[in-house]
Amino acid sequence: MSRADTQEDLNAVIRQHSELLAAQLHSQRESLFPPDASKSMRKFTSGEAAALLGVNDSYLRKLHLDGKGPSPEVSSGNRRHYSAEDIHNLRILLEKTARKPGDYLPGRRAGDHLQIIGVMNFKGGSGKTTSAAHLAQRLALTGYRVLAIDLDPQASLTALHGVQPEFDLLDGGTLYDAIRYEDPVPISNIIRRTYIPNLDLIPGNLELMEFEHETPRALAQGNAGLFFFRVKEALAQVDDQYDVVVIDCPPQLGFLTMSALSAATGVLVTIHPEMLDVMSMSQFLRMTADLMDVIADSGADMSHDWMRYLLTRYEPTDAPQNRIVAFLRTMYGDKVLNAPMLKSTAISDAGLTKQTLYEVERSAFTRTTYDRAVESLNAVNDEIAQLIQKTWGR
């Protein structure tokens, strides 16, 4: 058998396996989310709703008894459950009588600039997409207007939000459509509403790689211009519609990542505290700095409001991890977020059904496992929200 025959056979096997896997994933999605294969957000207990709103459960009960705001679903045990839409409407109601602006709607006010957060690392398994998804959802659930952008051709963030690239994006629909060099479309054409109020999505798929392939050709022909501004210029079209943009960057330092870095006002680098990951991050940081120098030399302002490292999949009982965490905190100080994202079976198990931990029912796990994981996620995401507020001067 010739090498050419072997190559043809390999290509056929890879294509066959790709199509088989895509079909099985599509079938799984339809079985998980019938009848139209679309996702919906679970209901929240009155305690969860109160915590999201920052009020007491007794106050929510009084609002319900007084007939103010949306009526929750009341179970046979007289337990109240609120939808994400109910919580959003309650937030609007409470803001009208708030002591000061922003108590319940914490987003931008006059003079505040759009926060664009790039979540990045080019080492697989660093928790990049998991961090981006939970951050976007937590910010939306706590009252921010959020746009999540999947800039990773692997499209895991997209799949988590109920969009299957192989079936739902056959005619485009990624950020590539808005940043391509020929006939770009308005970014509003590719923004999708999600099943969470205040959270919109620009999905991703392999089509994003076209930007990586086209940019060198455009540069050679002198048609690329300041290619690294393309994401920033696209987002400027919807600047007034959002408070925060969360970008799940590709796991590589290519043209997409460079353009995202140019647009970002904040950078979140995920780190799994293992030696091999830290060694990889050393190379990532050096290459990033070199690329940012090149962009800055071309006239771009590469200053950012903030940059932080997020410790992910952290196990407090793991002695080697603790040594690495101590090493990183000594070296980088307050650039490392105080709150780490703990390793949890709850987070990974939720991912098996293409859900975040905010979407699954608490009853799906033991109480301690779920509570420990959610508290960890909330601590991380709320610390980032504080950075956003500080950037806005409050």
Protein backbone atom coordinates (compact mmCIF):
# COMPACT_ATOMS: atom_id res chain seq x y z
CA MET A 1 0.00 0.00 0.00
CA SER A 2 1.38 3.37 -0.99
CA ARG A 3 1.67 6.36 1.29
CA ALA A 4 -0.97 8.13 -0.80
CA ASP A 5 -3.42 5.25 -0.22
CA THR A 6 -2.74 5.38 3.52
CA GLN A 7 -3.32 9.13 3.57
CA GLU A 8 -6.59 8.79 1.69
CA ASP A 9 -7.79 6.12 4.11
CA LEU A 10 -6.88 8.30 7.09
CA ASN A 11 -8.72 11.27 5.63
CA ALA A 12 -11.79 9.10 5.05
CA VAL A 13 -11.70 7.76 8.60
CA ILE A 14 -11.33 11.22 10.13
CA ARG A 15 -14.19 12.61 8.05
CA GLN A 16 -16.41 9.62 8.86
CA HIS A 17 -15.68 9.91 12.57
CA SER A 18 -16.31 13.67 12.49
CA GLU A 19 -19.71 13.25 10.86
CA LEU A 20 -20.65 10.38 13.17
CA LEU A 21 -19.73 12.35 16.29
CA ALA A 22 -21.59 15.46 15.10
CA ALA A 23 -24.73 13.39 14.44
CA GLN A 24 -24.53 11.76 17.87
CA LEU A 25 -24.06 15.13 19.60
CA HIS A 26 -27.04 16.53 17.73
CA SER A 27 -29.13 13.53 18.77
CA GLN A 28 -28.02 13.95 22.37
CA ARG A 29 -28.98 17.62 22.36
CA GLU A 30 -32.46 16.84 21.01
CA SER A 31 -32.96 14.23 23.73
CA LEU A 32 -31.77 16.62 26.45
CA PHE A 33 -33.74 19.65 25.27
CA PRO A 34 -36.93 18.52 23.50
CA PRO A 35 -38.97 19.32 21.51
CA ASP A 36 -37.12 22.05 19.62
CA ALA A 37 -33.61 21.33 20.96
CA SER A 38 -33.40 24.74 22.63
CA LYS A 39 -32.28 25.36 26.19
CA SER A 40 -34.08 27.19 28.97
CA MET A 41 -32.93 28.44 32.33
CA ARG A 42 -34.06 26.63 35.46
CA LYS A 43 -36.21 28.26 38.13
CA PHE A 44 -34.54 29.74 41.21
CA THR A 45 -35.66 29.23 44.80
CA SER A 46 -36.76 32.31 46.71
CA GLY A 47 -33.49 32.18 48.65
CA GLU A 48 -31.43 32.11 45.44
CA ALA A 49 -33.51 34.92 43.93
CA ALA A 50 -33.09 37.05 47.05
CA ALA A 51 -29.32 36.47 47.03
CA LEU A 52 -29.08 37.49 43.36
CA LEU A 53 -31.05 40.65 44.07
CA GLY A 54 -29.23 41.46 47.28
CA VAL A 55 -32.37 41.52 49.47
CA ASN A 56 -33.83 39.35 52.24
CA ASP A 57 -36.10 36.44 51.39
CA SER A 58 -38.71 37.93 53.75
CA TYR A 59 -38.72 41.12 51.66
CA LEU A 60 -39.38 39.10 48.50
CA ARG A 61 -42.23 37.33 50.28
CA LYS A 62 -43.72 40.70 51.26
CA LEU A 63 -43.52 41.94 47.65
CA HIS A 64 -45.34 38.80 46.57
CA LEU A 65 -48.06 39.15 49.23
CA ASP A 66 -48.49 42.84 48.35
CA GLY A 67 -48.96 41.95 44.68
CA LYS A 68 -45.89 43.89 43.58
CA GLY A 69 -43.75 42.61 40.75
CA PRO A 70 -44.04 39.28 38.94
CA SER A 71 -45.80 36.41 40.68
CA PRO A 72 -43.50 33.48 41.42
CA GLU A 73 -44.42 29.86 40.85
CA VAL A 74 -45.68 28.44 44.16
CA SER A 75 -45.24 24.72 44.76
CA SER A 76 -47.52 22.46 46.77
CA GLY A 77 -45.22 22.96 49.77
CA ASN A 78 -45.78 26.74 49.48
CA ARG A 79 -42.25 27.23 48.20
CA ARG A 80 -41.74 30.11 45.79
CA HIS A 81 -39.68 29.71 42.61
CA TYR A 82 -38.66 32.56 40.32
CA SER A 83 -37.62 32.46 36.68
CA ALA A 84 -34.58 34.42 35.51
CA GLU A 85 -37.04 36.76 33.77
CA ASP A 86 -38.93 37.25 37.07
CA ILE A 87 -35.67 38.20 38.79
CA HIS A 88 -34.84 40.66 36.01
CA ASN A 89 -38.28 42.32 36.31
CA LEU A 90 -37.95 42.48 40.10
CA ARG A 91 -34.58 44.14 39.64
CA ILE A 92 -36.14 46.86 37.48
CA LEU A 93 -38.92 47.35 40.05
CA LEU A 94 -36.51 47.62 42.99
CA GLU A 95 -34.22 50.03 41.13
CA LYS A 96 -37.09 52.53 40.86
CA THR A 97 -37.22 52.89 44.66
CA ALA A 98 -33.51 52.30 45.37
CA ARG A 99 -31.65 54.58 47.78
CA LYS A 100 -29.03 55.31 45.15
CA PRO A 101 -28.68 54.54 41.43
CA GLY A 102 -27.14 51.17 40.67
CA ASP A 103 -28.25 49.31 43.80
CA TYR A 104 -30.07 46.76 41.67
CA LEU A 105 -28.95 47.60 38.12
CA PRO A 106 -25.16 47.82 38.54
CA GLY A 107 -24.27 48.48 34.92
CA ARG A 108 -22.93 51.54 33.13
CA ARG A 109 -23.99 55.10 33.82
CA ALA A 110 -23.21 58.26 31.89
CA GLY A 111 -19.49 58.48 31.23
CA ASP A 112 -18.73 54.79 31.93
CA HIS A 113 -16.97 52.98 29.09
CA LEU A 114 -17.80 49.50 27.88
CA GLN A 115 -15.84 46.81 29.69
CA ILE A 116 -14.40 44.21 27.28
CA ILE A 117 -12.83 41.24 29.08
CA GLY A 118 -10.55 38.89 27.18
CA VAL A 119 -10.27 35.46 28.83
CA MET A 120 -7.15 33.75 27.55
CA ASN A 121 -4.46 31.10 27.82
CA PHE A 122 -3.10 28.85 25.10
CA LYS A 123 -2.73 25.76 27.33
CA GLY A 124 -5.61 23.32 27.06
CA GLY A 125 -7.35 22.39 30.30
CA SER A 126 -6.73 25.74 31.98
CA GLY A 127 -10.46 26.32 32.50
CA LYS A 128 -10.63 29.21 30.05
CA THR A 129 -14.03 28.48 28.54
CA THR A 130 -15.54 27.34 31.84
CA SER A 131 -14.39 30.60 33.43
CA ALA A 132 -15.72 32.73 30.57
CA ALA A 133 -19.13 31.01 30.55
CA HIS A 134 -19.69 31.27 34.29
CA LEU A 135 -18.48 34.88 34.37
CA ALA A 136 -20.84 35.93 31.58
CA GLN A 137 -23.82 34.19 33.18
CA ARG A 138 -23.13 35.47 36.71
CA LEU A 139 -22.81 39.05 35.49
CA ALA A 140 -26.07 38.75 33.55
CA LEU A 141 -27.92 37.20 36.50
CA THR A 142 -26.74 40.02 38.77
CA GLY A 143 -28.03 42.75 36.48
CA TYR A 144 -25.34 43.58 33.91
CA ARG A 145 -26.10 43.67 30.19
CA VAL A 146 -23.63 41.13 28.82
CA LEU A 147 -22.44 40.04 25.38
CA ALA A 148 -20.50 36.76 25.32
CA ILE A 149 -18.31 36.19 22.26
CA ASP A 150 -16.93 32.79 21.34
CA LEU A 151 -13.71 33.55 19.46
CA ASP A 152 -12.41 29.99 19.89
CA PRO A 153 -12.90 27.89 16.73
CA GLN A 154 -13.50 24.85 18.98
CA ALA A 155 -16.74 26.62 20.02
CA SER A 156 -17.16 25.13 23.49
CA LEU A 157 -18.71 28.35 24.83
CA THR A 158 -21.18 28.18 21.97
CA ALA A 159 -22.16 24.59 22.76
CA LEU A 160 -22.64 25.45 26.44
CA HIS A 161 -25.28 27.96 25.41
CA GLY A 162 -27.31 25.54 23.34
CA VAL A 163 -25.95 26.27 19.87
CA GLN A 164 -24.40 23.38 17.96
CA PRO A 165 -22.02 24.81 15.33
CA GLU A 166 -22.23 21.84 12.94
CA PHE A 167 -26.00 22.26 12.57
CA ASP A 168 -26.91 25.80 13.64
CA LEU A 169 -24.18 27.80 11.88
CA LEU A 170 -24.18 26.39 8.39
CA ASP A 171 -24.50 29.85 6.82
CA GLY A 172 -22.10 31.76 9.03
CA GLY A 173 -23.15 33.66 12.12
CA THR A 174 -19.80 34.02 13.92
CA LEU A 175 -17.75 37.13 14.61
CA TYR A 176 -15.83 36.36 11.42
CA ASP A 177 -18.82 37.72 9.46
CA ALA A 178 -18.34 41.14 11.09
CA ILE A 179 -14.52 41.32 10.92
CA ARG A 180 -13.75 39.73 7.54
CA TYR A 181 -12.03 41.87 4.92
CA GLU A 182 -14.64 41.56 2.18
CA ASP A 183 -18.26 42.56 2.75
CA PRO A 184 -18.36 42.45 6.57
CA VAL A 185 -21.87 42.47 8.01
CA PRO A 186 -23.10 44.65 10.90
CA ILE A 187 -22.31 42.93 14.19
CA SER A 188 -25.97 43.20 15.21
CA ASN A 189 -26.78 40.66 12.47
CA ILE A 190 -24.90 37.89 14.28
CA ILE A 191 -25.88 38.57 17.90
CA ARG A 192 -28.25 35.98 19.35
CA ARG A 193 -30.48 36.26 22.38
CA THR A 194 -29.96 33.51 24.91
CA TYR A 195 -32.34 31.89 27.40
CA ILE A 196 -30.87 34.12 30.15
CA PRO A 197 -32.16 37.72 30.36
CA ASN A 198 -29.41 40.30 29.75
CA LEU A 199 -27.10 37.73 28.11
CA ASP A 200 -26.54 37.74 24.36
CA LEU A 201 -24.17 35.51 22.41
CA ILE A 202 -22.02 35.65 19.30
CA PRO A 203 -21.28 31.98 18.63
CA GLY A 204 -18.13 30.49 17.13
CA ASN A 205 -17.11 27.63 14.88
CA LEU A 206 -14.25 26.58 12.61
CA GLU A 207 -15.11 29.43 10.22
CA LEU A 208 -13.21 31.75 12.57
CA MET A 209 -9.99 30.19 11.25
CA GLU A 210 -10.65 31.99 7.98
CA PHE A 211 -9.52 35.21 9.67
CA GLU A 212 -6.21 33.54 10.54
CA HIS A 213 -5.78 32.46 6.91
CA GLU A 214 -6.95 35.67 5.24
CA THR A 215 -5.02 38.18 7.33
CA PRO A 216 -1.53 37.20 6.01
CA ARG A 217 -2.84 37.42 2.43
CA ALA A 218 -4.46 40.78 3.12
CA LEU A 219 -1.25 42.06 4.72
CA ALA A 220 0.79 40.92 1.71
CA GLN A 221 -1.59 42.75 -0.62
CA GLY A 222 -1.65 45.85 1.58
CA ASN A 223 -5.39 45.52 2.20
CA ALA A 224 -5.45 44.53 5.89
CA GLY A 225 -4.98 48.02 7.30
CA LEU A 226 -4.88 47.99 11.08
CA PHE A 227 -6.22 44.43 11.24
CA PHE A 228 -5.91 44.34 15.04
CA PHE A 229 -8.65 46.98 15.37
CA ARG A 230 -11.27 44.91 13.61
CA VAL A 231 -12.84 43.41 16.76
CA LYS A 232 -12.80 46.79 18.49
CA GLU A 233 -14.42 48.53 15.53
CA ALA A 234 -17.11 45.84 15.28
CA LEU A 235 -17.96 46.16 18.99
CA ALA A 236 -18.17 49.94 18.67
CA GLN A 237 -21.36 49.40 16.65
CA VAL A 238 -23.18 48.09 19.74
CA ASP A 239 -21.25 49.97 22.44
CA ASP A 240 -24.36 51.52 24.00
CA GLN A 241 -26.25 48.21 24.24
CA TYR A 242 -24.01 46.43 26.77
CA ASP A 243 -22.17 46.95 30.03
CA VAL A 244 -19.69 44.09 29.66
CA VAL A 245 -18.38 41.97 26.80
CA VAL A 246 -16.75 38.63 27.69
CA ILE A 247 -14.54 37.16 24.96
CA ASP A 248 -13.46 33.52 25.10
CA CYS A 249 -10.21 33.85 23.15
CA PRO A 250 -8.61 31.11 21.01
CA PRO A 251 -6.00 28.90 22.70
CA GLN A 252 -3.28 30.37 20.49
CA LEU A 253 -1.60 33.71 19.88
CA GLY A 254 -2.86 34.35 16.37
CA PHE A 255 -4.51 37.26 14.61
CA LEU A 256 -7.86 36.69 16.36
CA THR A 257 -6.22 36.88 19.78
CA MET A 258 -4.24 39.97 18.80
CA SER A 259 -7.41 41.71 17.66
CA ALA A 260 -9.21 40.69 20.87
CA LEU A 261 -6.30 42.00 22.96
CA SER A 262 -6.50 45.32 21.14
CA ALA A 263 -10.21 45.57 21.93
CA ALA A 264 -9.98 44.42 25.56
CA THR A 265 -10.14 46.79 28.51
CA GLY A 266 -9.44 43.93 30.94
CA VAL A 267 -7.50 40.69 30.57
CA LEU A 268 -8.12 37.53 32.57
CA VAL A 269 -5.44 34.81 32.27
CA THR A 270 -6.47 31.41 33.60
CA ILE A 271 -3.82 29.30 35.34
CA HIS A 272 -4.05 25.68 36.43
CA PRO A 273 -1.51 25.54 39.31
CA GLU A 274 0.56 22.64 38.00
CA MET A 275 4.23 22.98 37.04
CA LEU A 276 3.76 22.09 33.36
CA ASP A 277 0.96 24.64 33.06
CA VAL A 278 3.03 27.34 34.76
CA MET A 279 5.96 26.59 32.44
CA SER A 280 3.61 26.88 29.46
CA MET A 281 2.25 30.15 30.81
CA SER A 282 5.79 31.56 30.93
CA GLN A 283 6.06 31.10 27.17
CA PHE A 284 2.52 32.44 26.69
CA LEU A 285 3.30 35.65 28.58
CA ARG A 286 6.55 36.23 26.72
CA MET A 287 4.95 35.75 23.33
CA THR A 288 1.99 37.93 24.32
CA ALA A 289 4.29 40.76 25.41
CA ASP A 290 6.23 40.55 22.13
CA LEU A 291 3.03 40.67 20.09
CA MET A 292 1.66 43.59 22.09
CA ASP A 293 4.89 45.48 21.41
CA VAL A 294 4.42 44.93 17.69
CA ILE A 295 0.82 46.18 17.87
CA ALA A 296 1.83 49.20 19.97
CA ASP A 297 4.57 50.07 17.47
CA SER A 298 1.85 50.23 14.82
CA GLY A 299 0.10 52.98 16.74
CA ALA A 300 -2.36 51.06 18.93
CA ASP A 301 -2.98 51.97 22.57
CA MET A 302 -2.31 48.68 24.38
CA SER A 303 -3.03 49.96 27.89
CA HIS A 304 -5.73 48.09 29.80
CA ASP A 305 -7.83 48.95 32.85
CA TRP A 306 -6.74 45.76 34.59
CA MET A 307 -5.10 42.39 34.13
CA ARG A 308 -5.52 39.46 36.54
CA TYR A 309 -4.56 35.81 36.88
CA LEU A 310 -7.30 33.36 37.85
CA LEU A 311 -6.31 30.12 39.56
CA THR A 312 -8.49 27.33 38.16
CA ARG A 313 -9.17 23.69 39.08
CA TYR A 314 -7.48 24.41 42.39
CA GLU A 315 -7.39 21.68 45.06
CA PRO A 316 -6.64 23.18 48.51
CA THR A 317 -5.50 19.81 49.87
CA ASP A 318 -2.91 19.33 47.11
CA ALA A 319 0.47 20.27 48.63
CA PRO A 320 2.35 20.77 45.30
CA GLN A 321 -0.47 23.02 44.04
CA ASN A 322 -0.32 25.06 47.24
CA ARG A 323 3.42 25.60 46.74
CA ILE A 324 2.84 26.82 43.20
CA VAL A 325 -0.02 29.09 44.33
CA ALA A 326 2.22 30.59 47.02
CA PHE A 327 4.96 31.04 44.42
CA LEU A 328 2.59 32.85 42.04
CA ARG A 329 1.13 35.09 44.75
CA THR A 330 4.63 36.03 45.94
CA MET A 331 5.68 36.84 42.39
CA TYR A 332 2.56 38.62 41.09
CA GLY A 333 0.93 39.91 44.28
CA ASP A 334 -2.54 41.37 43.82
CA LYS A 335 -2.47 40.56 40.09
CA VAL A 336 -3.63 37.09 41.20
CA LEU A 337 -7.32 37.09 42.11
CA ASN A 338 -7.91 36.40 45.80
CA ALA A 339 -10.61 33.84 44.98
CA PRO A 340 -9.55 30.67 43.15
CA MET A 341 -11.89 28.50 41.12
CA LEU A 342 -11.94 25.20 42.99
CA LYS A 343 -11.81 21.87 41.20
CA SER A 344 -15.26 20.32 41.52
CA THR A 345 -17.04 17.28 40.15
CA ALA A 346 -20.19 19.41 40.10
CA ILE A 347 -18.73 21.74 37.43
CA SER A 348 -17.42 18.89 35.28
CA ASP A 349 -20.62 16.85 35.66
CA ALA A 350 -22.71 19.86 34.61
CA GLY A 351 -20.55 20.14 31.50
CA LEU A 352 -21.49 16.59 30.49
CA THR A 353 -25.00 17.87 29.72
CA LYS A 354 -23.67 21.11 28.17
CA GLN A 355 -24.65 23.21 31.16
CA THR A 356 -22.92 25.53 33.56
CA LEU A 357 -23.28 25.10 37.30
CA TYR A 358 -25.67 28.07 37.37
CA GLU A 359 -28.04 26.13 35.11
CA VAL A 360 -28.23 22.76 36.86
CA GLU A 361 -30.56 21.99 39.73
CA ARG A 362 -28.99 21.87 43.18
CA SER A 363 -30.71 18.54 43.74
CA ALA A 364 -28.51 16.96 41.05
CA PHE A 365 -25.59 16.91 43.52
CA THR A 366 -25.01 16.48 47.21
CA ARG A 367 -25.65 19.77 49.00
CA THR A 368 -22.07 20.25 50.17
CA THR A 369 -20.58 19.52 46.73
CA TYR A 370 -22.92 21.96 44.98
CA ASP A 371 -22.67 24.71 47.58
CA ARG A 372 -18.89 24.52 47.70
CA ALA A 373 -18.61 24.82 43.91
CA VAL A 374 -21.15 27.65 43.58
CA GLU A 375 -19.58 29.64 46.41
CA SER A 376 -16.21 29.32 44.67
CA LEU A 377 -17.60 30.49 41.32
CA ASN A 378 -19.51 33.38 42.88
CA ALA A 379 -16.44 34.55 44.78
CA VAL A 380 -14.38 34.62 41.57
CA ASN A 381 -17.01 36.32 39.44
CA ASP A 382 -18.02 38.85 42.08
CA GLU A 383 -14.36 39.82 42.55
CA ILE A 384 -14.19 40.52 38.81
CA ALA A 385 -17.43 42.52 39.08
CA GLN A 386 -15.75 44.62 41.78
CA LEU A 387 -12.87 45.30 39.38
CA ILE A 388 -15.41 46.48 36.80
CA GLN A 389 -17.07 48.78 39.34
CA LYS A 390 -13.69 50.16 40.41
CA THR A 391 -12.84 50.88 36.77
CA TRP A 392 -16.03 52.91 36.59
CA GLY A 393 -14.95 54.86 39.66
CA ARG A 394 -17.23 53.36 42.28
